[in-house]
């Protein structure tokens, strides 16, 4: 069963999280939004977060209102593993996994997200 974009966005935060892990593993890319200052950040419960999406289309869908000037940027999964996990940990920044337009999504620490992606990738290879 293939879901269309609107159906995926309507999924619960946990199901969008699982969807992102699958899509990122398959496509070997994580999508963020950037503006003239760099990577877009959100604040959730006093935590700074980098929102991530499974595709350019979902990142674009989110880039409205305050974020209308933002552009999607693909981060190759290898770069994410090599640089982003440690960089985000060092900066004390968490990850907002596939937030919907209401800014609802699962927030995880970079090391946990790293482990989840590695685990999903190893299942894909087996």
PDB file of N, CA and C in Angstrom:
ATOM      1  N   UNK A   1       0.845  -1.182   0.000  1.00  0.00           N
ATOM      2  CA  UNK A   1       0.000   0.000   0.000  1.00  0.00           C
ATOM      3  C   UNK A   1       0.890   1.244   0.000  1.00  0.00           C
ATOM      4  N   UNK A   2       0.681   2.091  -0.956  1.00  0.00           N
ATOM      5  CA  UNK A   2       1.425   3.337  -1.042  1.00  0.00           C
ATOM      6  C   UNK A   2       0.529   4.480  -0.602  1.00  0.00           C
ATOM      7  N   UNK A   3       1.058   5.294   0.312  1.00  0.00           N
ATOM      8  CA  UNK A   3       0.301   6.440   0.799  1.00  0.00           C
ATOM      9  C   UNK A   3       0.683   7.680   0.012  1.00  0.00           C
ATOM     10  N   UNK A   4      -0.284   8.561  -0.196  1.00  0.00           N
ATOM     11  CA  UNK A   4       0.050   9.826  -0.835  1.00  0.00           C
ATOM     12  C   UNK A   4       0.588  10.787   0.240  1.00  0.00           C
ATOM     13  N   UNK A   5       1.061  11.910  -0.194  1.00  0.00           N
ATOM     14  CA  UNK A   5       1.706  12.869   0.700  1.00  0.00           C
ATOM     15  C   UNK A   5       0.797  13.302   1.853  1.00  0.00           C
ATOM     16  N   UNK A   6      -0.452  13.643   1.555  1.00  0.00           N
ATOM     17  CA  UNK A   6      -1.377  14.072   2.600  1.00  0.00           C
ATOM     18  C   UNK A   6      -1.641  12.971   3.613  1.00  0.00           C
ATOM     19  N   UNK A   7      -1.726  11.728   3.148  1.00  0.00           N
ATOM     20  CA  UNK A   7      -1.958  10.608   4.063  1.00  0.00           C
ATOM     21  C   UNK A   7      -0.757  10.409   4.993  1.00  0.00           C
ATOM     22  N   UNK A   8       0.446  10.551   4.456  1.00  0.00           N
ATOM     23  CA  UNK A   8       1.648  10.405   5.281  1.00  0.00           C
ATOM     24  C   UNK A   8       1.695  11.500   6.339  1.00  0.00           C
ATOM     25  N   UNK A   9       1.392  12.731   5.959  1.00  0.00           N
ATOM     26  CA  UNK A   9       1.433  13.856   6.903  1.00  0.00           C
ATOM     27  C   UNK A   9       0.411  13.663   8.021  1.00  0.00           C
ATOM     28  N   UNK A  10      -0.708  12.980   7.734  1.00  0.00           N
ATOM     29  CA  UNK A  10      -1.743  12.734   8.744  1.00  0.00           C
ATOM     30  C   UNK A  10      -1.389  11.604   9.706  1.00  0.00           C
ATOM     31  N   UNK A  11      -0.329  10.853   9.423  1.00  0.00           N
ATOM     32  CA  UNK A  11       0.065   9.764  10.316  1.00  0.00           C
ATOM     33  C   UNK A  11       0.473  10.324  11.674  1.00  0.00           C
ATOM     34  N   UNK A  12       0.451   9.479  12.692  1.00  0.00           N
ATOM     35  CA  UNK A  12       0.911   9.892  14.019  1.00  0.00           C
ATOM     36  C   UNK A  12       2.406  10.225  13.946  1.00  0.00           C
ATOM     37  N   UNK A  13       2.891  10.949  14.939  1.00  0.00           N
ATOM     38  CA  UNK A  13       4.310  11.312  14.983  1.00  0.00           C
ATOM     39  C   UNK A  13       5.191  10.062  14.968  1.00  0.00           C
ATOM     40  N   UNK A  14       4.780   9.029  15.667  1.00  0.00           N
ATOM     41  CA  UNK A  14       5.569   7.790  15.724  1.00  0.00           C
ATOM     42  C   UNK A  14       5.606   7.094  14.362  1.00  0.00           C
ATOM     43  N   UNK A  15       4.483   7.094  13.658  1.00  0.00           N
ATOM     44  CA  UNK A  15       4.449   6.456  12.335  1.00  0.00           C
ATOM     45  C   UNK A  15       5.236   7.279  11.313  1.00  0.00           C
ATOM     46  N   UNK A  16       5.194   8.610  11.428  1.00  0.00           N
ATOM     47  CA  UNK A  16       6.017   9.442  10.535  1.00  0.00           C
ATOM     48  C   UNK A  16       7.500   9.203  10.822  1.00  0.00           C
ATOM     49  N   UNK A  17       7.838   9.015  12.082  1.00  0.00           N
ATOM     50  CA  UNK A  17       9.209   8.711  12.476  1.00  0.00           C
ATOM     51  C   UNK A  17       9.676   7.423  11.783  1.00  0.00           C
ATOM     52  N   UNK A  18       8.863   6.370  11.882  1.00  0.00           N
ATOM     53  CA  UNK A  18       9.194   5.095  11.230  1.00  0.00           C
ATOM     54  C   UNK A  18       9.280   5.258   9.714  1.00  0.00           C
ATOM     55  N   UNK A  19       8.366   6.020   9.134  1.00  0.00           N
ATOM     56  CA  UNK A  19       8.374   6.283   7.693  1.00  0.00           C
ATOM     57  C   UNK A  19       9.681   6.964   7.295  1.00  0.00           C
ATOM     58  N   UNK A  20      10.087   7.976   8.061  1.00  0.00           N
ATOM     59  CA  UNK A  20      11.332   8.681   7.750  1.00  0.00           C
ATOM     60  C   UNK A  20      12.520   7.734   7.793  1.00  0.00           C
ATOM     61  N   UNK A  21      12.624   6.913   8.821  1.00  0.00           N
ATOM     62  CA  UNK A  21      13.756   5.988   8.922  1.00  0.00           C
ATOM     63  C   UNK A  21      13.832   5.078   7.693  1.00  0.00           C
ATOM     64  N   UNK A  22      12.673   4.583   7.258  1.00  0.00           N
ATOM     65  CA  UNK A  22      12.640   3.716   6.077  1.00  0.00           C
ATOM     66  C   UNK A  22      13.064   4.473   4.819  1.00  0.00           C
ATOM     67  N   UNK A  23      12.472   5.642   4.596  1.00  0.00           N
ATOM     68  CA  UNK A  23      12.760   6.408   3.377  1.00  0.00           C
ATOM     69  C   UNK A  23      14.219   6.892   3.324  1.00  0.00           C
ATOM     70  N   UNK A  24      14.723   7.356   4.454  1.00  0.00           N
ATOM     71  CA  UNK A  24      16.109   7.837   4.499  1.00  0.00           C
ATOM     72  C   UNK A  24      17.066   6.686   4.212  1.00  0.00           C
ATOM     73  N   UNK A  25      16.773   5.525   4.765  1.00  0.00           N
ATOM     74  CA  UNK A  25      17.621   4.353   4.530  1.00  0.00           C
ATOM     75  C   UNK A  25      17.584   3.944   3.055  1.00  0.00           C
ATOM     76  N   UNK A  26      16.404   3.975   2.461  1.00  0.00           N
ATOM     77  CA  UNK A  26      16.268   3.613   1.046  1.00  0.00           C
ATOM     78  C   UNK A  26      16.943   4.622   0.120  1.00  0.00           C
ATOM     79  N   UNK A  27      16.743   5.908   0.399  1.00  0.00           N
ATOM     80  CA  UNK A  27      17.232   6.964  -0.501  1.00  0.00           C
ATOM     81  C   UNK A  27      18.608   7.505  -0.136  1.00  0.00           C
ATOM     82  N   UNK A  28      19.098   7.114   1.045  1.00  0.00           N
ATOM     83  CA  UNK A  28      20.424   7.530   1.506  1.00  0.00           C
ATOM     84  C   UNK A  28      20.575   9.048   1.638  1.00  0.00           C
ATOM     85  N   UNK A  29      19.463   9.732   1.945  1.00  0.00           N
ATOM     86  CA  UNK A  29      19.471  11.190   2.119  1.00  0.00           C
ATOM     87  C   UNK A  29      18.516  11.573   3.247  1.00  0.00           C
ATOM     88  N   UNK A  30      18.910  12.609   3.981  1.00  0.00           N
ATOM     89  CA  UNK A  30      18.054  13.249   4.969  1.00  0.00           C
ATOM     90  C   UNK A  30      17.876  14.676   4.493  1.00  0.00           C
ATOM     91  N   UNK A  31      16.668  15.190   4.613  1.00  0.00           N
ATOM     92  CA  UNK A  31      16.384  16.543   4.131  1.00  0.00           C
ATOM     93  C   UNK A  31      16.191  17.505   5.294  1.00  0.00           C
ATOM     94  N   UNK A  32      16.826  18.666   5.185  1.00  0.00           N
ATOM     95  CA  UNK A  32      16.653  19.749   6.147  1.00  0.00           C
ATOM     96  C   UNK A  32      16.204  20.984   5.383  1.00  0.00           C
ATOM     97  N   UNK A  33      15.870  22.026   6.105  1.00  0.00           N
ATOM     98  CA  UNK A  33      15.585  23.320   5.489  1.00  0.00           C
ATOM     99  C   UNK A  33      16.693  24.287   5.877  1.00  0.00           C
ATOM    100  N   UNK A  34      17.073  25.134   4.923  1.00  0.00           N
ATOM    101  CA  UNK A  34      18.094  26.140   5.186  1.00  0.00           C
ATOM    102  C   UNK A  34      17.580  27.511   4.770  1.00  0.00           C
ATOM    103  N   UNK A  35      18.156  28.529   5.395  1.00  0.00           N
ATOM    104  CA  UNK A  35      17.902  29.906   4.983  1.00  0.00           C
ATOM    105  C   UNK A  35      19.252  30.617   4.929  1.00  0.00           C
ATOM    106  N   UNK A  36      19.235  31.942   4.844  1.00  0.00           N
ATOM    107  CA  UNK A  36      20.501  32.670   4.701  1.00  0.00           C
ATOM    108  C   UNK A  36      21.403  32.516   5.923  1.00  0.00           C
ATOM    109  N   UNK A  37      20.858  32.043   7.043  1.00  0.00           N
ATOM    110  CA  UNK A  37      21.635  31.875   8.265  1.00  0.00           C
ATOM    111  C   UNK A  37      22.119  30.445   8.462  1.00  0.00           C
ATOM    112  N   UNK A  38      21.687  29.536   7.606  1.00  0.00           N
ATOM    113  CA  UNK A  38      22.073  28.129   7.741  1.00  0.00           C
ATOM    114  C   UNK A  38      20.866  27.245   7.973  1.00  0.00           C
ATOM    115  N   UNK A  39      21.073  26.209   8.739  1.00  0.00           N
ATOM    116  CA  UNK A  39      20.048  25.204   9.010  1.00  0.00           C
ATOM    117  C   UNK A  39      18.933  25.781   9.878  1.00  0.00           C
ATOM    118  N   UNK A  40      17.687  25.519   9.502  1.00  0.00           N
ATOM    119  CA  UNK A  40      16.529  25.959  10.269  1.00  0.00           C
ATOM    120  C   UNK A  40      16.480  25.194  11.587  1.00  0.00           C
ATOM    121  N   UNK A  41      16.159  25.910  12.653  1.00  0.00           N
ATOM    122  CA  UNK A  41      16.063  25.311  13.982  1.00  0.00           C
ATOM    123  C   UNK A  41      14.664  25.559  14.544  1.00  0.00           C
ATOM    124  N   UNK A  42      14.215  24.645  15.369  1.00  0.00           N
ATOM    125  CA  UNK A  42      12.971  24.784  16.115  1.00  0.00           C
ATOM    126  C   UNK A  42      13.302  24.728  17.594  1.00  0.00           C
ATOM    127  N   UNK A  43      12.393  25.204  18.415  1.00  0.00           N
ATOM    128  CA  UNK A  43      12.562  25.092  19.847  1.00  0.00           C
ATOM    129  C   UNK A  43      11.406  24.285  20.396  1.00  0.00           C
ATOM    130  N   UNK A  44      11.722  23.192  21.092  1.00  0.00           N
ATOM    131  CA  UNK A  44      10.704  22.304  21.643  1.00  0.00           C
ATOM    132  C   UNK A  44      11.025  22.032  23.103  1.00  0.00           C
ATOM    133  N   UNK A  45      10.130  22.408  23.987  1.00  0.00           N
ATOM    134  CA  UNK A  45      10.339  22.180  25.424  1.00  0.00           C
ATOM    135  C   UNK A  45      11.728  22.592  25.874  1.00  0.00           C
ATOM    136  N   UNK A  46      12.116  23.808  25.524  1.00  0.00           N
ATOM    137  CA  UNK A  46      13.427  24.360  25.872  1.00  0.00           C
ATOM    138  C   UNK A  46      14.598  23.632  25.217  1.00  0.00           C
ATOM    139  N   UNK A  47      14.328  22.844  24.196  1.00  0.00           N
ATOM    140  CA  UNK A  47      15.392  22.171  23.455  1.00  0.00           C
ATOM    141  C   UNK A  47      15.462  22.776  22.057  1.00  0.00           C
ATOM    142  N   UNK A  48      16.677  23.029  21.592  1.00  0.00           N
ATOM    143  CA  UNK A  48      16.859  23.415  20.196  1.00  0.00           C
ATOM    144  C   UNK A  48      16.877  22.141  19.374  1.00  0.00           C
ATOM    145  N   UNK A  49      16.174  22.179  18.248  1.00  0.00           N
ATOM    146  CA  UNK A  49      16.054  20.997  17.390  1.00  0.00           C
ATOM    147  C   UNK A  49      16.266  21.372  15.929  1.00  0.00           C
ATOM    148  N   UNK A  50      16.855  20.446  15.192  1.00  0.00           N
ATOM    149  CA  UNK A  50      16.932  20.535  13.742  1.00  0.00           C
ATOM    150  C   UNK A  50      15.819  19.640  13.200  1.00  0.00           C
ATOM    151  N   UNK A  51      14.848  20.215  12.470  1.00  0.00           N
ATOM    152  CA  UNK A  51      13.824  19.360  11.873  1.00  0.00           C
ATOM    153  C   UNK A  51      14.374  18.658  10.634  1.00  0.00           C
ATOM    154  N   UNK A  52      14.002  17.394  10.464  1.00  0.00           N
ATOM    155  CA  UNK A  52      14.434  16.603   9.303  1.00  0.00           C
ATOM    156  C   UNK A  52      13.224  15.946   8.659  1.00  0.00           C
ATOM    157  N   UNK A  53      13.325  15.747   7.341  1.00  0.00           N
ATOM    158  CA  UNK A  53      12.244  15.139   6.567  1.00  0.00           C
ATOM    159  C   UNK A  53      12.795  14.038   5.679  1.00  0.00           C
ATOM    160  N   UNK A  54      11.897  13.135   5.219  1.00  0.00           N
ATOM    161  CA  UNK A  54      12.336  12.012   4.398  1.00  0.00           C
ATOM    162  C   UNK A  54      12.535  12.338   2.921  1.00  0.00           C
ATOM    163  N   UNK A  55      12.051  13.503   2.470  1.00  0.00           N
ATOM    164  CA  UNK A  55      12.181  13.832   1.047  1.00  0.00           C
ATOM    165  C   UNK A  55      12.116  15.344   0.855  1.00  0.00           C
ATOM    166  N   UNK A  56      12.534  15.772  -0.316  1.00  0.00           N
ATOM    167  CA  UNK A  56      12.473  17.185  -0.670  1.00  0.00           C
ATOM    168  C   UNK A  56      11.025  17.683  -0.658  1.00  0.00           C
ATOM    169  N   UNK A  57      10.101  16.847  -1.133  1.00  0.00           N
ATOM    170  CA  UNK A  57       8.699  17.243  -1.204  1.00  0.00           C
ATOM    171  C   UNK A  57       8.129  17.554   0.187  1.00  0.00           C
ATOM    172  N   UNK A  58       8.460  16.710   1.173  1.00  0.00           N
ATOM    173  CA  UNK A  58       7.949  16.953   2.527  1.00  0.00           C
ATOM    174  C   UNK A  58       8.595  18.182   3.149  1.00  0.00           C
ATOM    175  N   UNK A  59       9.877  18.396   2.908  1.00  0.00           N
ATOM    176  CA  UNK A  59      10.547  19.596   3.427  1.00  0.00           C
ATOM    177  C   UNK A  59       9.925  20.843   2.792  1.00  0.00           C
ATOM    178  N   UNK A  60       9.704  20.799   1.481  1.00  0.00           N
ATOM    179  CA  UNK A  60       9.069  21.923   0.775  1.00  0.00           C
ATOM    180  C   UNK A  60       7.667  22.192   1.300  1.00  0.00           C
ATOM    181  N   UNK A  61       6.922  21.134   1.563  1.00  0.00           N
ATOM    182  CA  UNK A  61       5.551  21.249   2.058  1.00  0.00           C
ATOM    183  C   UNK A  61       5.531  22.029   3.373  1.00  0.00           C
ATOM    184  N   UNK A  62       6.569  21.862   4.162  1.00  0.00           N
ATOM    185  CA  UNK A  62       6.661  22.485   5.471  1.00  0.00           C
ATOM    186  C   UNK A  62       7.125  23.934   5.376  1.00  0.00           C
ATOM    187  N   UNK A  63       7.791  24.285   4.264  1.00  0.00           N
ATOM    188  CA  UNK A  63       8.399  25.619   4.106  1.00  0.00           C
ATOM    189  C   UNK A  63       7.361  26.664   3.710  1.00  0.00           C
ATOM    190  N   UNK A  64       6.492  27.007   4.666  1.00  0.00           N
ATOM    191  CA  UNK A  64       5.467  28.020   4.443  1.00  0.00           C
ATOM    192  C   UNK A  64       5.495  28.998   5.610  1.00  0.00           C
ATOM    193  N   UNK A  65       4.715  30.039   5.528  1.00  0.00           N
ATOM    194  CA  UNK A  65       4.637  31.002   6.636  1.00  0.00           C
ATOM    195  C   UNK A  65       6.000  31.575   6.973  1.00  0.00           C
ATOM    196  N   UNK A  66       6.407  31.434   8.236  1.00  0.00           N
ATOM    197  CA  UNK A  66       7.704  31.950   8.688  1.00  0.00           C
ATOM    198  C   UNK A  66       8.878  31.320   7.947  1.00  0.00           C
ATOM    199  N   UNK A  67       8.675  30.141   7.384  1.00  0.00           N
ATOM    200  CA  UNK A  67       9.754  29.420   6.721  1.00  0.00           C
ATOM    201  C   UNK A  67       9.641  29.453   5.202  1.00  0.00           C
ATOM    202  N   UNK A  68       8.819  30.347   4.662  1.00  0.00           N
ATOM    203  CA  UNK A  68       8.601  30.409   3.215  1.00  0.00           C
ATOM    204  C   UNK A  68       9.886  30.743   2.444  1.00  0.00           C
ATOM    205  N   UNK A  69      10.839  31.407   3.079  1.00  0.00           N
ATOM    206  CA  UNK A  69      12.105  31.740   2.415  1.00  0.00           C
ATOM    207  C   UNK A  69      13.140  30.631   2.505  1.00  0.00           C
ATOM    208  N   UNK A  70      12.788  29.514   3.106  1.00  0.00           N
ATOM    209  CA  UNK A  70      13.729  28.412   3.289  1.00  0.00           C
ATOM    210  C   UNK A  70      13.753  27.492   2.074  1.00  0.00           C
ATOM    211  N   UNK A  71      14.888  26.821   1.919  1.00  0.00           N
ATOM    212  CA  UNK A  71      15.064  25.878   0.814  1.00  0.00           C
ATOM    213  C   UNK A  71      15.450  24.508   1.355  1.00  0.00           C
ATOM    214  N   UNK A  72      14.912  23.436   0.769  1.00  0.00           N
ATOM    215  CA  UNK A  72      15.313  22.096   1.180  1.00  0.00           C
ATOM    216  C   UNK A  72      16.772  21.824   0.778  1.00  0.00           C
ATOM    217  N   UNK A  73      17.452  21.080   1.616  1.00  0.00           N
ATOM    218  CA  UNK A  73      18.828  20.672   1.337  1.00  0.00           C
ATOM    219  C   UNK A  73      18.967  19.210   1.717  1.00  0.00           C
ATOM    220  N   UNK A  74      19.486  18.421   0.772  1.00  0.00           N
ATOM    221  CA  UNK A  74      19.709  16.994   1.030  1.00  0.00           C
ATOM    222  C   UNK A  74      21.068  16.810   1.696  1.00  0.00           C
ATOM    223  N   UNK A  75      21.080  16.025   2.759  1.00  0.00           N
ATOM    224  CA  UNK A  75      22.320  15.639   3.419  1.00  0.00           C
ATOM    225  C   UNK A  75      22.513  14.149   3.127  1.00  0.00           C
ATOM    226  N   UNK A  76      23.568  13.792   2.398  1.00  0.00           N
ATOM    227  CA  UNK A  76      23.814  12.363   2.176  1.00  0.00           C
ATOM    228  C   UNK A  76      23.951  11.646   3.525  1.00  0.00           C
ATOM    229  N   UNK A  77      23.409  10.455   3.609  1.00  0.00           N
ATOM    230  CA  UNK A  77      23.420   9.718   4.864  1.00  0.00           C
ATOM    231  C   UNK A  77      24.843   9.517   5.388  1.00  0.00           C
ATOM    232  N   UNK A  78      25.789   9.300   4.495  1.00  0.00           N
ATOM    233  CA  UNK A  78      27.178   9.131   4.938  1.00  0.00           C
ATOM    234  C   UNK A  78      27.690  10.407   5.618  1.00  0.00           C
ATOM    235  N   UNK A  79      27.341  11.579   5.083  1.00  0.00           N
ATOM    236  CA  UNK A  79      27.730  12.845   5.717  1.00  0.00           C
ATOM    237  C   UNK A  79      27.046  13.002   7.072  1.00  0.00           C
ATOM    238  N   UNK A  80      25.788  12.586   7.127  1.00  0.00           N
ATOM    239  CA  UNK A  80      25.064  12.675   8.401  1.00  0.00           C
ATOM    240  C   UNK A  80      25.812  11.868   9.460  1.00  0.00           C
ATOM    241  N   UNK A  81      26.157  10.628   9.119  1.00  0.00           N
ATOM    242  CA  UNK A  81      26.868   9.774  10.069  1.00  0.00           C
ATOM    243  C   UNK A  81      28.251  10.335  10.412  1.00  0.00           C
ATOM    244  N   UNK A  82      28.958  10.848   9.401  1.00  0.00           N
ATOM    245  CA  UNK A  82      30.331  11.326   9.609  1.00  0.00           C
ATOM    246  C   UNK A  82      30.418  12.643  10.367  1.00  0.00           C
ATOM    247  N   UNK A  83      29.481  13.552  10.121  1.00  0.00           N
ATOM    248  CA  UNK A  83      29.617  14.901  10.675  1.00  0.00           C
ATOM    249  C   UNK A  83      28.444  15.384  11.520  1.00  0.00           C
ATOM    250  N   UNK A  84      27.240  15.136  11.070  1.00  0.00           N
ATOM    251  CA  UNK A  84      26.082  15.761  11.697  1.00  0.00           C
ATOM    252  C   UNK A  84      25.811  15.242  13.101  1.00  0.00           C
ATOM    253  N   UNK A  85      25.877  13.926  13.297  1.00  0.00           N
ATOM    254  CA  UNK A  85      25.581  13.380  14.630  1.00  0.00           C
ATOM    255  C   UNK A  85      26.479  14.018  15.679  1.00  0.00           C
ATOM    256  N   UNK A  86      27.791  13.982  15.448  1.00  0.00           N
ATOM    257  CA  UNK A  86      28.736  14.556  16.417  1.00  0.00           C
ATOM    258  C   UNK A  86      28.559  16.064  16.543  1.00  0.00           C
ATOM    259  N   UNK A  87      28.328  16.748  15.432  1.00  0.00           N
ATOM    260  CA  UNK A  87      28.149  18.197  15.464  1.00  0.00           C
ATOM    261  C   UNK A  87      26.931  18.609  16.264  1.00  0.00           C
ATOM    262  N   UNK A  88      25.817  17.902  16.058  1.00  0.00           N
ATOM    263  CA  UNK A  88      24.596  18.215  16.799  1.00  0.00           C
ATOM    264  C   UNK A  88      24.764  17.901  18.286  1.00  0.00           C
ATOM    265  N   UNK A  89      25.406  16.759  18.572  1.00  0.00           N
ATOM    266  CA  UNK A  89      25.663  16.415  19.975  1.00  0.00           C
ATOM    267  C   UNK A  89      26.528  17.478  20.638  1.00  0.00           C
ATOM    268  N   UNK A  90      27.578  17.900  19.953  1.00  0.00           N
ATOM    269  CA  UNK A  90      28.487  18.904  20.489  1.00  0.00           C
ATOM    270  C   UNK A  90      27.799  20.236  20.743  1.00  0.00           C
ATOM    271  N   UNK A  91      26.802  20.548  19.923  1.00  0.00           N
ATOM    272  CA  UNK A  91      26.065  21.807  20.070  1.00  0.00           C
ATOM    273  C   UNK A  91      24.862  21.675  21.015  1.00  0.00           C
ATOM    274  N   UNK A  92      24.599  20.449  21.502  1.00  0.00           N
ATOM    275  CA  UNK A  92      23.450  20.233  22.378  1.00  0.00           C
ATOM    276  C   UNK A  92      22.118  20.375  21.666  1.00  0.00           C
ATOM    277  N   UNK A  93      22.096  20.001  20.389  1.00  0.00           N
ATOM    278  CA  UNK A  93      20.894  20.145  19.559  1.00  0.00           C
ATOM    279  C   UNK A  93      20.278  18.767  19.308  1.00  0.00           C
ATOM    280  N   UNK A  94      18.962  18.677  19.473  1.00  0.00           N
ATOM    281  CA  UNK A  94      18.230  17.438  19.209  1.00  0.00           C
ATOM    282  C   UNK A  94      17.675  17.458  17.783  1.00  0.00           C
ATOM    283  N   UNK A  95      16.982  16.390  17.437  1.00  0.00           N
ATOM    284  CA  UNK A  95      16.408  16.258  16.098  1.00  0.00           C
ATOM    285  C   UNK A  95      14.894  16.150  16.212  1.00  0.00           C
ATOM    286  N   UNK A  96      14.185  17.005  15.476  1.00  0.00           N
ATOM    287  CA  UNK A  96      12.729  16.913  15.359  1.00  0.00           C
ATOM    288  C   UNK A  96      12.457  16.084  14.108  1.00  0.00           C
ATOM    289  N   UNK A  97      12.024  14.849  14.321  1.00  0.00           N
ATOM    290  CA  UNK A  97      11.864  13.901  13.224  1.00  0.00           C
ATOM    291  C   UNK A  97      10.543  14.120  12.512  1.00  0.00           C
ATOM    292  N   UNK A  98      10.634  14.550  11.241  1.00  0.00           N
ATOM    293  CA  UNK A  98       9.486  14.669  10.336  1.00  0.00           C
ATOM    294  C   UNK A  98       8.306  15.388  10.983  1.00  0.00           C
ATOM    295  N   UNK A  99       8.532  16.646  11.408  1.00  0.00           N
ATOM    296  CA  UNK A  99       7.398  17.380  11.979  1.00  0.00           C
ATOM    297  C   UNK A  99       6.337  17.651  10.919  1.00  0.00           C
ATOM    298  N   UNK A 100       5.087  17.641  11.363  1.00  0.00           N
ATOM    299  CA  UNK A 100       4.008  18.000  10.446  1.00  0.00           C
ATOM    300  C   UNK A 100       3.858  19.524  10.446  1.00  0.00           C
ATOM    301  N   UNK A 101       2.952  20.062   9.647  1.00  0.00           N
ATOM    302  CA  UNK A 101       2.811  21.528   9.594  1.00  0.00           C
ATOM    303  C   UNK A 101       2.446  22.173  10.936  1.00  0.00           C
ATOM    304  N   UNK A 102       1.935  21.397  11.886  1.00  0.00           N
ATOM    305  CA  UNK A 102       1.634  21.917  13.224  1.00  0.00           C
ATOM    306  C   UNK A 102       2.845  21.825  14.153  1.00  0.00           C
ATOM    307  N   UNK A 103       3.988  21.483  13.589  1.00  0.00           N
ATOM    308  CA  UNK A 103       5.259  21.337  14.314  1.00  0.00           C
ATOM    309  C   UNK A 103       5.223  20.185  15.312  1.00  0.00           C
ATOM    310  N   UNK A 104       4.386  19.181  15.047  1.00  0.00           N
ATOM    311  CA  UNK A 104       4.336  17.995  15.889  1.00  0.00           C
ATOM    312  C   UNK A 104       5.220  16.915  15.289  1.00  0.00           C
ATOM    313  N   UNK A 105       6.073  16.351  16.127  1.00  0.00           N
ATOM    314  CA  UNK A 105       6.958  15.280  15.686  1.00  0.00           C
ATOM    315  C   UNK A 105       7.702  14.711  16.872  1.00  0.00           C
ATOM    316  N   UNK A 106       8.347  13.589  16.668  1.00  0.00           N
ATOM    317  CA  UNK A 106       9.151  12.954  17.697  1.00  0.00           C
ATOM    318  C   UNK A 106      10.476  13.703  17.788  1.00  0.00           C
ATOM    319  N   UNK A 107      10.913  14.017  19.019  1.00  0.00           N
ATOM    320  CA  UNK A 107      12.201  14.660  19.233  1.00  0.00           C
ATOM    321  C   UNK A 107      13.150  13.623  19.821  1.00  0.00           C
ATOM    322  N   UNK A 108      14.306  13.449  19.177  1.00  0.00           N
ATOM    323  CA  UNK A 108      15.287  12.464  19.642  1.00  0.00           C
ATOM    324  C   UNK A 108      16.669  13.093  19.716  1.00  0.00           C
ATOM    325  N   UNK A 109      17.506  12.511  20.555  1.00  0.00           N
ATOM    326  CA  UNK A 109      18.895  12.947  20.638  1.00  0.00           C
ATOM    327  C   UNK A 109      19.650  12.426  19.422  1.00  0.00           C
ATOM    328  N   UNK A 110      20.684  13.140  18.978  1.00  0.00           N
ATOM    329  CA  UNK A 110      21.418  12.728  17.771  1.00  0.00           C
ATOM    330  C   UNK A 110      21.974  11.307  17.831  1.00  0.00           C
ATOM    331  N   UNK A 111      22.495  10.884  18.998  1.00  0.00           N
ATOM    332  CA  UNK A 111      23.062   9.532  19.089  1.00  0.00           C
ATOM    333  C   UNK A 111      21.974   8.466  18.946  1.00  0.00           C
ATOM    334  N   UNK A 112      20.790   8.724  19.462  1.00  0.00           N
ATOM    335  CA  UNK A 112      19.670   7.775  19.336  1.00  0.00           C
ATOM    336  C   UNK A 112      19.229   7.696  17.871  1.00  0.00           C
ATOM    337  N   UNK A 113      19.102   8.848  17.225  1.00  0.00           N
ATOM    338  CA  UNK A 113      18.723   8.892  15.809  1.00  0.00           C
ATOM    339  C   UNK A 113      19.750   8.140  14.968  1.00  0.00           C
ATOM    340  N   UNK A 114      21.021   8.340  15.262  1.00  0.00           N
ATOM    341  CA  UNK A 114      22.117   7.658  14.576  1.00  0.00           C
ATOM    342  C   UNK A 114      21.942   6.136  14.703  1.00  0.00           C
ATOM    343  N   UNK A 115      21.690   5.676  15.928  1.00  0.00           N
ATOM    344  CA  UNK A 115      21.500   4.242  16.169  1.00  0.00           C
ATOM    345  C   UNK A 115      20.282   3.704  15.416  1.00  0.00           C
ATOM    346  N   UNK A 116      19.193   4.480  15.417  1.00  0.00           N
ATOM    347  CA  UNK A 116      17.982   4.047  14.723  1.00  0.00           C
ATOM    348  C   UNK A 116      18.242   3.889  13.223  1.00  0.00           C
ATOM    349  N   UNK A 117      18.950   4.859  12.640  1.00  0.00           N
ATOM    350  CA  UNK A 117      19.255   4.783  11.206  1.00  0.00           C
ATOM    351  C   UNK A 117      20.179   3.608  10.902  1.00  0.00           C
ATOM    352  N   UNK A 118      21.201   3.415  11.724  1.00  0.00           N
ATOM    353  CA  UNK A 118      22.129   2.299  11.519  1.00  0.00           C
ATOM    354  C   UNK A 118      21.395   0.966  11.630  1.00  0.00           C
ATOM    355  N   UNK A 119      20.504   0.871  12.618  1.00  0.00           N
ATOM    356  CA  UNK A 119      19.737  -0.362  12.814  1.00  0.00           C
ATOM    357  C   UNK A 119      18.833  -0.622  11.610  1.00  0.00           C
ATOM    358  N   UNK A 120      18.169   0.419  11.119  1.00  0.00           N
ATOM    359  CA  UNK A 120      17.283   0.281   9.960  1.00  0.00           C
ATOM    360  C   UNK A 120      18.092  -0.112   8.727  1.00  0.00           C
ATOM    361  N   UNK A 121      19.264   0.488   8.560  1.00  0.00           N
ATOM    362  CA  UNK A 121      20.120   0.172   7.412  1.00  0.00           C
ATOM    363  C   UNK A 121      20.595  -1.286   7.472  1.00  0.00           C
ATOM    364  N   UNK A 122      20.925  -1.769   8.658  1.00  0.00           N
ATOM    365  CA  UNK A 122      21.401  -3.154   8.768  1.00  0.00           C
ATOM    366  C   UNK A 122      20.270  -4.142   8.484  1.00  0.00           C
ATOM    367  N   UNK A 123      19.036  -3.792   8.856  1.00  0.00           N
ATOM    368  CA  UNK A 123      17.895  -4.654   8.543  1.00  0.00           C
ATOM    369  C   UNK A 123      17.651  -4.683   7.046  1.00  0.00           C
ATOM    370  N   UNK A 124      17.853  -3.541   6.382  1.00  0.00           N
ATOM    371  CA  UNK A 124      17.643  -3.464   4.932  1.00  0.00           C
ATOM    372  C   UNK A 124      18.631  -4.347   4.192  1.00  0.00           C
ATOM    373  N   UNK A 125      19.862  -4.450   4.722  1.00  0.00           N
ATOM    374  CA  UNK A 125      20.902  -5.216   4.054  1.00  0.00           C
ATOM    375  C   UNK A 125      20.720  -6.711   4.253  1.00  0.00           C
ATOM    376  N   UNK A 126      20.026  -7.106   5.302  1.00  0.00           N
ATOM    377  CA  UNK A 126      19.855  -8.539   5.594  1.00  0.00           C
ATOM    378  C   UNK A 126      18.635  -9.112   4.932  1.00  0.00           C
TER     379      UNK A 126
END
